[in-house]
Amino acid sequence: MRSYHHEVPGPFGIIVQILSGAAVGLLIAGVYLALKPVKMMDAQTAAKAAETAAATTERNVVVYTPGNPGHPNGQQWRQRETAFLNRAPTGVAASEQDINRWITTTYGSADRRIEYKEYDFVIDPLLPLCRIDGGEVQLAFEFRCRQGKSEKSIVAHARGRLEKQGDQHVFVPTKVYLGSCPLPGMLGTKLVEKLGATYPVPDAMTASWKAVTSAKVEEGQLKLAFN
């Protein structure tokens, strides 16, 4: 577990530091103190909540619906991975469960906790969760923050699409939230880049990823085609 001994900045300094390249850990530590967390709901409950909010004065509630992590013993994702590595001529169609099981298996063993000892403050990042909804991809990063006996979760989540930039596809966010705070334009993009950089594409998959010619969401799946 990493230890840091930096002063936790105020809310304004947090936003500035997104652009200046400061550690994501400092960002989340400040958000723990500054932002109202999102409401976590499943898709059906979220739809009902949206109707209720539209009929009342509760219009600034940010609702986050987590992706389906898939069954712990599910193995279908391995077939998708093999097809991806082999650049299957028919392409690859992966559900959010497939993607989330791959994320868990690929990145689940690393210890990413960050500790600020002088503040008795610990940040425990959970693994990212993907959700496919309405023709877009949602990526979410949840952080369990603990100070003394107090604990709460902060969720950074972004909706967007995959676009070809340079020699490979990248995730381009259209909406980004940190807690309940919307991060517009470059602020949101910078945060997503910083969080995504902590989960790099494995070397064995780099060539196949660069060979993807199209990436789109259809029928609740992420569909990839190769050249």
Protein backbone atom coordinates (compact mmCIF):
# COMPACT_ATOMS: atom_id res chain seq x y z
CA MET A 1 0.00 0.00 0.00
CA ARG A 2 1.36 3.41 -0.96
CA SER A 3 1.79 6.17 1.62
CA TYR A 4 1.74 9.90 0.90
CA HIS A 5 2.44 12.92 3.06
CA HIS A 6 0.87 15.80 1.16
CA GLU A 7 -1.53 18.46 2.38
CA VAL A 8 -5.05 17.74 1.10
CA PRO A 9 -6.05 20.75 -1.05
CA GLY A 10 -9.34 22.65 -0.99
CA PRO A 11 -12.11 22.04 -3.55
CA PHE A 12 -10.93 24.75 -5.95
CA GLY A 13 -7.37 23.43 -5.82
CA ILE A 14 -8.70 19.96 -6.62
CA ILE A 15 -10.14 21.07 -9.96
CA VAL A 16 -6.99 23.00 -10.83
CA GLN A 17 -4.90 19.94 -10.11
CA ILE A 18 -6.81 17.86 -12.65
CA LEU A 19 -5.27 20.08 -15.28
CA SER A 20 -1.87 20.41 -13.65
CA GLY A 21 -1.19 16.67 -13.41
CA ALA A 22 -1.60 16.09 -9.67
CA ALA A 23 -2.19 12.59 -8.32
CA VAL A 24 -5.70 11.20 -8.63
CA GLY A 25 -5.42 10.21 -4.94
CA LEU A 26 -5.34 13.85 -3.88
CA LEU A 27 -8.29 14.57 -6.12
CA ILE A 28 -10.42 11.85 -4.55
CA ALA A 29 -9.37 12.82 -1.02
CA GLY A 30 -10.65 16.34 -1.57
CA VAL A 31 -13.84 15.14 -3.20
CA TYR A 32 -14.53 12.99 -0.14
CA LEU A 33 -14.78 16.19 1.86
CA ALA A 34 -16.39 18.39 -0.77
CA LEU A 35 -18.99 16.59 -2.89
CA LYS A 36 -22.38 15.02 -2.41
CA PRO A 37 -22.24 11.35 -3.48
CA VAL A 38 -24.42 9.93 -6.23
CA LYS A 39 -27.45 7.75 -5.59
CA MET A 40 -26.80 4.15 -6.66
CA MET A 41 -29.82 2.40 -8.21
CA ASP A 42 -30.51 -0.43 -10.59
CA ALA A 43 -31.89 0.46 -14.02
CA GLN A 44 -35.58 -0.07 -13.15
CA THR A 45 -35.37 1.94 -9.92
CA ALA A 46 -33.44 4.70 -11.71
CA ALA A 47 -36.17 5.03 -14.34
CA LYS A 48 -38.83 5.42 -11.63
CA ALA A 49 -36.65 7.94 -9.78
CA ALA A 50 -36.32 10.03 -12.95
CA GLU A 51 -40.12 10.17 -13.26
CA THR A 52 -40.45 11.19 -9.61
CA ALA A 53 -37.77 13.89 -9.93
CA ALA A 54 -39.49 15.33 -13.00
CA ALA A 55 -42.69 15.75 -11.00
CA THR A 56 -41.06 17.32 -7.94
CA THR A 57 -38.45 19.93 -7.08
CA GLU A 58 -35.75 17.27 -6.71
CA ARG A 59 -34.07 17.98 -10.03
CA ASN A 60 -30.37 17.95 -9.19
CA VAL A 61 -30.03 14.35 -8.07
CA VAL A 62 -27.36 12.41 -9.95
CA VAL A 63 -28.25 8.74 -10.32
CA TYR A 64 -25.60 6.12 -11.01
CA THR A 65 -26.54 2.64 -12.21
CA PRO A 66 -23.62 0.17 -11.88
CA GLY A 67 -22.80 -2.28 -14.64
CA ASN A 68 -23.49 -6.00 -14.23
CA PRO A 69 -20.29 -7.61 -12.87
CA GLY A 70 -21.23 -11.01 -14.27
CA HIS A 71 -21.22 -14.36 -12.51
CA PRO A 72 -17.96 -15.10 -10.64
CA ASN A 73 -17.74 -18.50 -12.34
CA GLY A 74 -18.79 -17.28 -15.76
CA GLN A 75 -16.41 -18.31 -18.54
CA GLN A 76 -18.01 -16.90 -21.71
CA TRP A 77 -15.71 -13.90 -21.56
CA ARG A 78 -12.76 -16.20 -22.25
CA GLN A 79 -14.26 -17.09 -25.63
CA ARG A 80 -14.56 -13.38 -26.39
CA GLU A 81 -10.96 -12.82 -25.33
CA THR A 82 -9.71 -15.65 -27.57
CA ALA A 83 -11.69 -14.29 -30.52
CA PHE A 84 -10.25 -10.84 -29.84
CA LEU A 85 -6.65 -12.06 -29.66
CA ASN A 86 -7.15 -14.03 -32.89
CA ARG A 87 -8.83 -11.04 -34.56
CA ALA A 88 -11.79 -13.18 -35.54
CA PRO A 89 -12.97 -12.42 -39.11
CA THR A 90 -16.53 -12.25 -37.82
CA GLY A 91 -15.53 -9.74 -35.17
CA VAL A 92 -16.25 -9.83 -31.43
CA ALA A 93 -19.49 -8.99 -29.62
CA ALA A 94 -19.07 -8.61 -25.86
CA SER A 95 -21.71 -7.93 -23.21
CA GLU A 96 -21.03 -5.77 -20.16
CA GLN A 97 -20.82 -8.98 -18.12
CA ASP A 98 -18.07 -10.27 -20.44
CA ILE A 99 -16.16 -7.01 -20.16
CA ASN A 100 -16.48 -6.80 -16.38
CA ARG A 101 -15.38 -10.38 -15.85
CA TRP A 102 -12.33 -9.66 -18.03
CA ILE A 103 -11.55 -6.54 -15.98
CA THR A 104 -11.81 -8.49 -12.72
CA THR A 105 -9.55 -11.29 -13.94
CA THR A 106 -6.99 -8.99 -15.56
CA TYR A 107 -6.64 -6.29 -12.90
CA GLY A 108 -8.10 -7.80 -9.75
CA SER A 109 -4.91 -8.90 -8.02
CA ALA A 110 -3.21 -5.49 -7.67
CA ASP A 111 -3.30 -3.55 -4.40
CA ARG A 112 -4.16 0.06 -5.31
CA ARG A 113 -4.90 1.41 -1.85
CA ILE A 114 -3.52 4.83 -1.01
CA GLU A 115 -2.91 5.98 2.55
CA TYR A 116 -2.42 9.50 3.92
CA LYS A 117 -1.09 8.61 7.37
CA GLU A 118 -1.04 12.11 8.86
CA TYR A 119 -4.76 12.44 8.12
CA ASP A 120 -5.69 8.86 9.04
CA PHE A 121 -7.15 8.73 5.53
CA VAL A 122 -7.30 5.68 3.25
CA ILE A 123 -8.56 5.45 -0.33
CA ASP A 124 -9.41 1.97 -1.57
CA PRO A 125 -10.17 1.99 -5.33
CA LEU A 126 -12.55 -0.70 -6.51
CA LEU A 127 -12.21 -2.20 -9.96
CA PRO A 128 -13.85 -0.26 -12.80
CA LEU A 129 -17.29 -1.35 -13.96
CA CYS A 130 -18.54 -1.11 -17.52
CA ARG A 131 -22.20 -0.63 -18.40
CA ILE A 132 -23.71 -0.68 -21.88
CA ASP A 133 -26.84 1.42 -22.12
CA GLY A 134 -28.68 3.38 -24.78
CA GLY A 135 -26.00 3.04 -27.44
CA GLU A 136 -23.26 4.29 -25.14
CA VAL A 137 -20.61 2.84 -22.87
CA GLN A 138 -20.49 3.86 -19.22
CA LEU A 139 -17.24 3.51 -17.30
CA ALA A 140 -17.36 3.86 -13.53
CA PHE A 141 -14.63 4.04 -10.90
CA GLU A 142 -15.68 3.72 -7.27
CA PHE A 143 -13.45 4.70 -4.35
CA ARG A 144 -14.06 3.64 -0.76
CA CYS A 145 -12.75 6.49 1.38
CA ARG A 146 -12.10 6.00 5.07
CA GLN A 147 -11.07 8.54 7.69
CA GLY A 148 -10.96 7.21 11.21
CA LYS A 149 -14.22 5.33 11.69
CA SER A 150 -16.05 7.26 8.99
CA GLU A 151 -16.39 5.70 5.53
CA LYS A 152 -18.13 6.71 2.33
CA SER A 153 -17.91 5.97 -1.39
CA ILE A 154 -17.12 8.40 -4.18
CA VAL A 155 -18.01 7.39 -7.74
CA ALA A 156 -16.50 8.85 -10.88
CA HIS A 157 -18.53 7.79 -13.90
CA ALA A 158 -18.51 8.72 -17.55
CA ARG A 159 -20.71 7.98 -20.53
CA GLY A 160 -19.34 8.06 -24.05
CA ARG A 161 -18.25 6.09 -27.08
CA LEU A 162 -15.17 4.55 -28.65
CA GLU A 163 -13.58 6.56 -31.45
CA LYS A 164 -10.51 6.03 -33.62
CA GLN A 165 -7.75 8.46 -32.67
CA GLY A 166 -4.32 7.95 -34.16
CA ASP A 167 -3.63 4.23 -34.51
CA GLN A 168 -6.24 2.95 -32.05
CA HIS A 169 -9.69 3.43 -30.56
CA VAL A 170 -10.07 5.40 -27.35
CA PHE A 171 -12.97 6.14 -25.02
CA VAL A 172 -14.34 9.64 -25.65
CA PRO A 173 -16.63 10.81 -22.83
CA THR A 174 -19.73 12.88 -23.50
CA LYS A 175 -20.70 13.24 -19.82
CA VAL A 176 -18.48 12.92 -16.74
CA TYR A 177 -19.46 13.12 -13.08
CA LEU A 178 -17.28 13.08 -9.98
CA GLY A 179 -19.61 12.35 -7.12
CA SER A 180 -22.60 14.54 -8.00
CA CYS A 181 -20.46 17.17 -9.65
CA PRO A 182 -20.54 17.33 -13.47
CA LEU A 183 -17.10 17.94 -14.97
CA PRO A 184 -17.40 19.71 -18.30
CA GLY A 185 -15.10 19.54 -21.31
CA MET A 186 -11.40 19.16 -20.59
CA LEU A 187 -11.91 18.67 -16.84
CA GLY A 188 -13.96 15.53 -17.40
CA THR A 189 -11.73 14.24 -20.19
CA LYS A 190 -8.62 14.73 -18.05
CA LEU A 191 -10.12 12.82 -15.13
CA VAL A 192 -11.14 9.90 -17.35
CA GLU A 193 -7.66 9.80 -18.89
CA LYS A 194 -6.02 9.74 -15.47
CA LEU A 195 -8.24 6.97 -14.15
CA GLY A 196 -8.01 4.91 -17.33
CA ALA A 197 -4.21 5.16 -17.37
CA THR A 198 -4.08 3.09 -14.17
CA TYR A 199 -5.55 0.16 -16.15
CA PRO A 200 -3.38 -0.07 -19.29
CA VAL A 201 -4.17 -2.48 -22.11
CA PRO A 202 -2.06 -5.64 -21.54
CA ASP A 203 0.85 -6.03 -23.93
CA ALA A 204 -0.60 -9.27 -25.35
CA MET A 205 -3.72 -7.39 -26.47
CA THR A 206 -2.13 -4.21 -27.85
CA ALA A 207 -1.74 -5.45 -31.44
CA SER A 208 -5.34 -6.70 -31.62
CA TRP A 209 -6.65 -3.47 -30.12
CA LYS A 210 -4.81 -1.43 -32.75
CA ALA A 211 -6.28 -3.71 -35.45
CA VAL A 212 -9.86 -2.79 -34.51
CA THR A 213 -11.46 -0.94 -37.44
CA SER A 214 -14.83 -0.19 -35.85
CA ALA A 215 -16.23 -0.21 -32.34
CA LYS A 216 -19.93 0.38 -31.78
CA VAL A 217 -22.69 -0.42 -29.32
CA GLU A 218 -25.60 -2.40 -30.71
CA GLU A 219 -28.23 -4.61 -29.10
CA GLY A 220 -26.68 -4.24 -25.67
CA GLN A 221 -23.22 -5.35 -26.79
CA LEU A 222 -19.92 -3.76 -27.68
CA LYS A 223 -19.17 -4.93 -31.22
CA LEU A 224 -15.62 -4.85 -32.58
CA ALA A 225 -14.52 -5.47 -36.16
CA PHE A 226 -10.96 -6.05 -37.40
CA ASN A 227 -9.05 -5.29 -40.57
